[in-house]
Amino acid sequence: MKSGYVRIRVNNAYVYEHRYIMEKSLGRSLHKLEHVHHRSENKSDNKRENLKLLDKRKHDKIGTIKRWKDDPDSFKPDKDKCLKPRIERHGRGKLCQRYAPCSYHPD
């Protein structure tokens, strides 16, 4: 349980309990782009009322918003890593792509 998610054995295979509970609740298998969100954010709380079915995009958005609320500074561009491509012309008209600091970070 390194990831925090509970795994259970079903038909000689291990599956994530939250996905298994959602599949049984819906009466069908989940598509690989369907994600099961834990409303309480407790990955081991797999009661049906704590689970919500979302598509991947909506689930990713929830994670991004939570990370931004926890640490908004982590979403600011890093001056040392923020580079934009710049095309230069060299001898005989040969083009070369180099990277230069972006205009967001004036020196």
Protein backbone atom coordinates (compact mmCIF):
# COMPACT_ATOMS: atom_id res chain seq x y z
CA MET A 1 0.00 0.00 0.00
CA LYS A 2 2.87 2.41 -0.81
CA SER A 3 0.58 4.73 -2.79
CA GLY A 4 -1.99 4.83 -0.02
CA TYR A 5 -4.60 2.99 -2.11
CA VAL A 6 -5.99 -0.28 -0.74
CA ARG A 7 -5.61 -3.31 -2.99
CA ILE A 8 -7.74 -6.41 -2.66
CA ARG A 9 -7.58 -9.85 -4.23
CA VAL A 10 -10.41 -10.63 -6.68
CA ASN A 11 -10.35 -13.78 -8.84
CA ASN A 12 -6.63 -14.38 -8.16
CA ALA A 13 -5.65 -10.84 -9.14
CA TYR A 14 -5.03 -7.73 -7.09
CA VAL A 15 -7.17 -4.68 -7.89
CA TYR A 16 -7.64 -1.28 -6.33
CA GLU A 17 -10.55 -1.48 -3.90
CA HIS A 18 -12.00 1.94 -4.81
CA ARG A 19 -12.19 1.02 -8.50
CA TYR A 20 -13.70 -2.39 -7.67
CA ILE A 21 -16.38 -0.80 -5.46
CA MET A 22 -17.25 1.73 -8.18
CA GLU A 23 -17.47 -1.01 -10.84
CA LYS A 24 -19.82 -3.07 -8.64
CA SER A 25 -21.92 0.02 -7.92
CA LEU A 26 -22.26 0.85 -11.64
CA GLY A 27 -22.61 -2.77 -12.76
CA ARG A 28 -19.91 -2.41 -15.41
CA SER A 29 -16.15 -2.16 -15.85
CA LEU A 30 -14.50 1.24 -15.70
CA HIS A 31 -12.88 2.73 -18.79
CA LYS A 32 -9.17 3.50 -18.41
CA LEU A 33 -9.93 7.26 -18.66
CA GLU A 34 -12.46 7.08 -15.83
CA HIS A 35 -11.01 7.95 -12.44
CA VAL A 36 -12.48 7.36 -9.01
CA HIS A 37 -12.02 10.40 -6.77
CA HIS A 38 -11.95 10.16 -2.97
CA ARG A 39 -14.07 13.09 -1.76
CA SER A 40 -12.43 13.07 1.69
CA GLU A 41 -8.95 12.78 0.09
CA ASN A 42 -8.36 9.74 2.33
CA LYS A 43 -7.21 7.07 -0.13
CA SER A 44 -8.08 4.24 2.23
CA ASP A 45 -11.69 5.42 2.84
CA ASN A 46 -13.44 3.37 0.16
CA LYS A 47 -17.05 3.72 1.29
CA ARG A 48 -19.31 4.26 -1.75
CA GLU A 49 -20.52 7.66 -0.49
CA ASN A 50 -16.89 8.86 -0.41
CA LEU A 51 -16.23 7.89 -4.04
CA LYS A 52 -17.06 9.94 -7.13
CA LEU A 53 -16.58 8.93 -10.76
CA LEU A 54 -14.79 11.55 -12.90
CA ASP A 55 -13.15 11.66 -16.29
CA LYS A 56 -9.37 12.06 -16.32
CA ARG A 57 -9.46 15.77 -17.21
CA LYS A 58 -11.76 16.71 -14.32
CA HIS A 59 -9.79 14.54 -11.89
CA ASP A 60 -6.51 16.16 -12.96
CA LYS A 61 -8.06 19.61 -12.54
CA ILE A 62 -9.04 18.81 -8.94
CA GLY A 63 -5.45 17.75 -8.21
CA THR A 64 -4.02 20.89 -9.81
CA ILE A 65 -6.33 23.18 -7.83
CA LYS A 66 -5.44 21.39 -4.59
CA ARG A 67 -1.69 21.65 -5.28
CA TRP A 68 -2.07 25.34 -6.15
CA LYS A 69 -3.95 26.04 -2.89
CA ASP A 70 -1.30 24.16 -0.89
CA ASP A 71 1.70 25.84 -2.57
CA PRO A 72 0.92 28.65 -5.06
CA ASP A 73 4.63 29.52 -5.44
CA SER A 74 5.28 26.13 -7.06
CA PHE A 75 3.32 27.31 -10.13
CA LYS A 76 5.51 30.38 -10.79
CA PRO A 77 7.98 29.96 -13.66
CA ASP A 78 11.55 29.30 -12.58
CA LYS A 79 13.91 31.86 -14.13
CA ASP A 80 16.78 29.37 -14.40
CA LYS A 81 14.65 26.75 -16.16
CA CYS A 82 12.32 28.94 -18.20
CA LEU A 83 13.79 29.06 -21.72
CA LYS A 84 12.35 29.77 -25.13
CA PRO A 85 13.72 28.50 -28.44
CA ARG A 86 15.61 31.01 -30.58
CA ILE A 87 16.56 30.31 -34.19
CA GLU A 88 19.96 31.60 -35.32
CA ARG A 89 21.47 31.70 -38.79
CA HIS A 90 25.06 30.54 -39.13
CA GLY A 91 27.51 30.43 -41.99
CA ARG A 92 26.12 29.26 -45.36
CA GLY A 93 22.57 30.06 -44.17
CA LYS A 94 22.42 27.07 -41.84
CA LEU A 95 19.74 27.40 -39.13
CA CYS A 96 20.47 26.43 -35.55
CA GLN A 97 18.06 26.31 -32.62
CA ARG A 98 19.35 27.61 -29.30
CA TYR A 99 17.56 28.39 -26.07
CA ALA A 100 17.50 31.83 -24.45
CA PRO A 101 15.81 33.12 -21.29
CA CYS A 102 12.18 33.91 -21.92
CA SER A 103 10.88 37.50 -21.93
CA TYR A 104 8.87 36.82 -18.77
CA HIS A 105 12.10 37.13 -16.77
CA PRO A 106 13.85 40.36 -17.75
CA ASP A 107 17.49 40.51 -16.64
